[in-house]
N, C-alpha and C. Protein backbone atom coordinates (compact mmCIF):
# COMPACT_ATOMS: atom_id res chain seq x y z
N UNK A 1 -34.74 -79.06 19.61
CA UNK A 1 -34.75 -78.36 20.91
C UNK A 1 -34.72 -76.91 20.57
N UNK A 2 -33.99 -76.37 19.78
CA UNK A 2 -33.80 -74.87 19.37
C UNK A 2 -35.21 -74.48 18.54
N UNK A 3 -35.66 -75.28 17.77
CA UNK A 3 -36.88 -74.94 16.98
C UNK A 3 -38.12 -74.86 17.84
N UNK A 4 -38.18 -75.74 18.93
CA UNK A 4 -39.14 -75.66 19.76
C UNK A 4 -39.35 -74.32 20.73
N UNK A 5 -38.02 -74.00 21.03
CA UNK A 5 -37.93 -72.82 21.77
C UNK A 5 -38.29 -71.58 20.93
N UNK A 6 -37.81 -71.54 19.78
CA UNK A 6 -38.20 -70.53 18.86
C UNK A 6 -39.71 -70.39 18.48
N UNK A 7 -40.30 -71.52 18.33
CA UNK A 7 -41.70 -71.59 18.13
C UNK A 7 -42.41 -71.12 19.31
N UNK A 8 -42.09 -71.57 20.53
CA UNK A 8 -42.67 -71.11 21.67
C UNK A 8 -42.50 -69.44 21.86
N UNK A 9 -41.36 -69.01 21.71
CA UNK A 9 -41.18 -67.66 21.69
C UNK A 9 -41.92 -66.80 20.77
N UNK A 10 -42.07 -67.26 19.53
CA UNK A 10 -42.87 -66.63 18.48
C UNK A 10 -44.26 -66.59 18.83
N UNK A 11 -44.76 -67.76 19.50
CA UNK A 11 -46.23 -67.79 19.71
C UNK A 11 -46.63 -66.73 20.86
N UNK A 12 -45.70 -66.81 22.02
CA UNK A 12 -45.76 -65.70 22.97
C UNK A 12 -45.73 -64.39 22.49
N UNK A 13 -44.86 -64.03 21.68
CA UNK A 13 -44.73 -62.66 21.08
C UNK A 13 -46.01 -62.43 20.23
N UNK A 14 -46.56 -63.20 19.52
CA UNK A 14 -47.91 -62.93 18.77
C UNK A 14 -49.02 -62.77 19.93
N UNK A 15 -49.00 -63.48 20.86
CA UNK A 15 -50.00 -63.34 21.82
C UNK A 15 -50.00 -61.98 22.43
N UNK A 16 -48.87 -61.62 22.80
CA UNK A 16 -48.67 -60.40 23.50
C UNK A 16 -49.02 -59.13 22.64
N UNK A 17 -48.67 -59.34 21.30
CA UNK A 17 -48.75 -58.23 20.51
C UNK A 17 -50.29 -57.99 20.15
N UNK A 18 -50.99 -59.08 20.19
CA UNK A 18 -52.53 -59.09 19.90
C UNK A 18 -53.36 -58.47 21.05
N UNK A 19 -52.70 -58.35 22.27
CA UNK A 19 -53.33 -57.89 23.42
C UNK A 19 -53.03 -56.57 23.74
N UNK A 20 -53.30 -55.74 22.75
CA UNK A 20 -53.19 -54.21 22.90
C UNK A 20 -53.91 -53.77 24.25
N UNK A 21 -53.16 -52.84 24.83
CA UNK A 21 -53.84 -52.22 26.09
C UNK A 21 -54.79 -51.13 25.70
N UNK A 22 -56.03 -51.33 26.12
CA UNK A 22 -57.02 -50.27 25.91
C UNK A 22 -57.45 -49.89 27.27
N UNK A 23 -56.51 -49.90 28.25
CA UNK A 23 -56.85 -49.49 29.69
C UNK A 23 -57.06 -47.78 29.78
N UNK A 24 -56.93 -47.49 30.95
CA UNK A 24 -57.14 -46.07 31.10
C UNK A 24 -55.87 -45.23 31.34
N UNK A 25 -55.92 -44.00 30.99
CA UNK A 25 -54.84 -43.10 31.14
C UNK A 25 -55.23 -41.97 31.84
N UNK A 26 -54.18 -41.38 32.57
CA UNK A 26 -54.26 -40.13 33.44
C UNK A 26 -53.46 -39.04 32.69
N UNK A 27 -54.20 -38.07 32.25
CA UNK A 27 -53.43 -36.85 31.62
C UNK A 27 -53.43 -35.74 32.71
N UNK A 28 -52.01 -35.35 33.00
CA UNK A 28 -51.84 -34.26 33.98
C UNK A 28 -51.56 -33.00 33.24
N UNK A 29 -52.11 -31.92 33.47
CA UNK A 29 -51.76 -30.64 32.84
C UNK A 29 -50.79 -29.85 33.69
N UNK A 30 -50.06 -29.02 33.21
CA UNK A 30 -49.08 -28.17 33.87
C UNK A 30 -49.62 -27.37 34.97
N UNK A 31 -50.89 -26.93 35.13
CA UNK A 31 -51.53 -26.23 36.14
C UNK A 31 -52.14 -27.19 37.22
N UNK A 32 -51.79 -28.49 37.04
CA UNK A 32 -52.26 -29.49 38.08
C UNK A 32 -53.52 -30.17 37.89
N UNK A 33 -54.35 -29.67 36.85
CA UNK A 33 -55.57 -30.47 36.56
C UNK A 33 -55.14 -31.94 36.13
N UNK A 34 -56.27 -32.80 36.38
CA UNK A 34 -55.93 -34.19 35.77
C UNK A 34 -57.19 -34.74 35.25
N UNK A 35 -57.13 -35.47 33.97
CA UNK A 35 -58.18 -35.97 33.41
C UNK A 35 -57.95 -37.37 33.29
N UNK A 36 -58.95 -38.28 33.42
CA UNK A 36 -58.94 -39.68 32.99
C UNK A 36 -59.47 -40.05 31.65
N UNK A 37 -58.88 -40.87 30.96
CA UNK A 37 -59.50 -41.23 29.69
C UNK A 37 -59.41 -42.66 29.31
N UNK A 38 -60.34 -43.17 28.49
CA UNK A 38 -60.20 -44.55 27.87
C UNK A 38 -59.29 -44.69 26.88
N UNK A 39 -58.35 -45.53 26.88
CA UNK A 39 -57.37 -45.66 25.87
C UNK A 39 -56.32 -44.88 25.84
N UNK A 40 -55.24 -44.88 25.03
CA UNK A 40 -54.29 -43.78 25.01
C UNK A 40 -54.55 -42.54 24.14
N UNK A 41 -54.46 -41.44 24.75
CA UNK A 41 -54.64 -40.30 23.87
C UNK A 41 -53.95 -40.21 22.52
N UNK A 42 -54.44 -39.62 21.54
CA UNK A 42 -53.93 -39.44 20.18
C UNK A 42 -53.41 -37.98 20.10
N UNK A 43 -52.09 -37.98 19.69
CA UNK A 43 -51.63 -36.51 19.36
C UNK A 43 -51.85 -36.29 17.97
N UNK A 44 -52.40 -35.14 17.61
CA UNK A 44 -52.68 -34.73 16.33
C UNK A 44 -51.86 -33.69 15.95
N UNK A 45 -50.90 -33.96 15.28
CA UNK A 45 -49.75 -32.94 14.91
C UNK A 45 -50.24 -31.71 14.07
N UNK A 46 -51.16 -31.93 13.26
CA UNK A 46 -51.72 -30.89 12.45
C UNK A 46 -52.09 -29.75 13.20
N UNK A 47 -52.99 -30.16 14.46
CA UNK A 47 -53.60 -29.11 15.18
C UNK A 47 -52.90 -28.84 16.49
N UNK A 48 -52.02 -29.71 16.95
CA UNK A 48 -51.31 -29.47 18.20
C UNK A 48 -52.00 -29.80 19.40
N UNK A 49 -53.06 -30.66 19.30
CA UNK A 49 -53.93 -31.02 20.38
C UNK A 49 -53.87 -32.61 20.64
N UNK A 50 -54.15 -32.93 21.83
CA UNK A 50 -54.39 -34.47 22.15
C UNK A 50 -55.81 -34.68 22.03
N UNK A 51 -56.08 -35.80 21.47
CA UNK A 51 -57.64 -36.25 21.46
C UNK A 51 -57.79 -37.35 22.33
N UNK A 52 -58.77 -37.55 23.05
CA UNK A 52 -59.06 -38.57 23.96
C UNK A 52 -60.51 -38.95 24.04
N UNK A 53 -60.89 -40.00 24.61
CA UNK A 53 -62.32 -40.42 24.84
C UNK A 53 -62.40 -40.54 26.34
N UNK A 54 -63.52 -39.77 26.84
CA UNK A 54 -63.72 -39.79 28.32
C UNK A 54 -64.60 -41.07 28.66
N UNK A 55 -64.80 -41.07 29.94
CA UNK A 55 -65.62 -42.32 30.45
C UNK A 55 -66.94 -42.09 30.36
N UNK A 56 -67.38 -40.82 29.76
CA UNK A 56 -68.78 -40.79 29.51
C UNK A 56 -69.06 -40.91 27.97
N UNK A 57 -68.14 -41.44 27.31
CA UNK A 57 -68.17 -41.85 25.96
C UNK A 57 -68.23 -40.57 25.01
N UNK A 58 -67.50 -39.58 25.42
CA UNK A 58 -67.44 -38.31 24.64
C UNK A 58 -65.99 -38.05 24.06
N UNK A 59 -65.91 -37.43 23.01
CA UNK A 59 -64.48 -36.92 22.56
C UNK A 59 -64.23 -35.72 23.16
N UNK A 60 -62.86 -35.59 23.50
CA UNK A 60 -62.39 -34.38 24.04
C UNK A 60 -60.89 -34.12 23.53
N UNK A 61 -60.52 -32.75 23.68
CA UNK A 61 -59.31 -32.36 23.12
C UNK A 61 -58.55 -31.52 24.24
N UNK A 62 -57.17 -31.56 24.30
CA UNK A 62 -56.47 -30.78 25.18
C UNK A 62 -55.18 -30.28 24.28
N UNK A 63 -54.82 -28.98 24.50
CA UNK A 63 -53.74 -28.38 23.88
C UNK A 63 -52.47 -29.20 24.38
N UNK A 64 -51.65 -29.47 23.45
CA UNK A 64 -50.52 -30.33 23.83
C UNK A 64 -49.46 -29.42 24.68
N UNK A 65 -49.36 -28.19 24.41
CA UNK A 65 -48.39 -27.36 25.16
C UNK A 65 -49.00 -27.25 26.63
N UNK A 66 -50.09 -27.64 27.07
CA UNK A 66 -50.67 -27.62 28.28
C UNK A 66 -50.34 -28.89 29.17
N UNK A 67 -50.10 -29.92 28.41
CA UNK A 67 -49.96 -31.36 29.01
C UNK A 67 -48.56 -31.50 29.56
N UNK A 68 -48.40 -31.89 30.79
CA UNK A 68 -47.32 -32.12 31.56
C UNK A 68 -46.96 -33.63 31.30
N UNK A 69 -47.83 -34.51 31.51
CA UNK A 69 -47.60 -35.97 31.39
C UNK A 69 -48.79 -36.75 31.17
N UNK A 70 -48.58 -37.84 30.52
CA UNK A 70 -49.69 -38.99 30.28
C UNK A 70 -49.09 -40.11 30.83
N UNK A 71 -49.92 -40.75 31.75
CA UNK A 71 -49.51 -42.07 32.53
C UNK A 71 -50.66 -43.10 32.29
N UNK A 72 -50.02 -44.17 31.97
CA UNK A 72 -51.21 -45.49 31.98
C UNK A 72 -51.49 -45.80 33.42
N UNK A 73 -52.67 -46.02 33.73
CA UNK A 73 -53.23 -46.40 34.99
C UNK A 73 -53.16 -47.91 35.21
N UNK A 74 -52.70 -48.37 36.33
CA UNK A 74 -52.65 -49.74 36.53
C UNK A 74 -54.07 -50.41 36.77
N UNK A 75 -54.22 -51.71 36.41
CA UNK A 75 -55.42 -52.34 36.56
C UNK A 75 -55.74 -52.79 38.00
């Protein structure tokens, strides 16, 4: 009984971890401007910028000190 529960839990954990979210995110800047992007923006510590992909399939960057919040958008 315990083994079957453990096996079920591990299977569920594997399925959830393999379904990484590549949804959309909203980036809100301190001045109120908002940008939508595909996938989670990546912070590049060396440059101090967030890199993200637009819905027009272009790469874009925003200075990290201008970003107020990054929120995942519901589906």
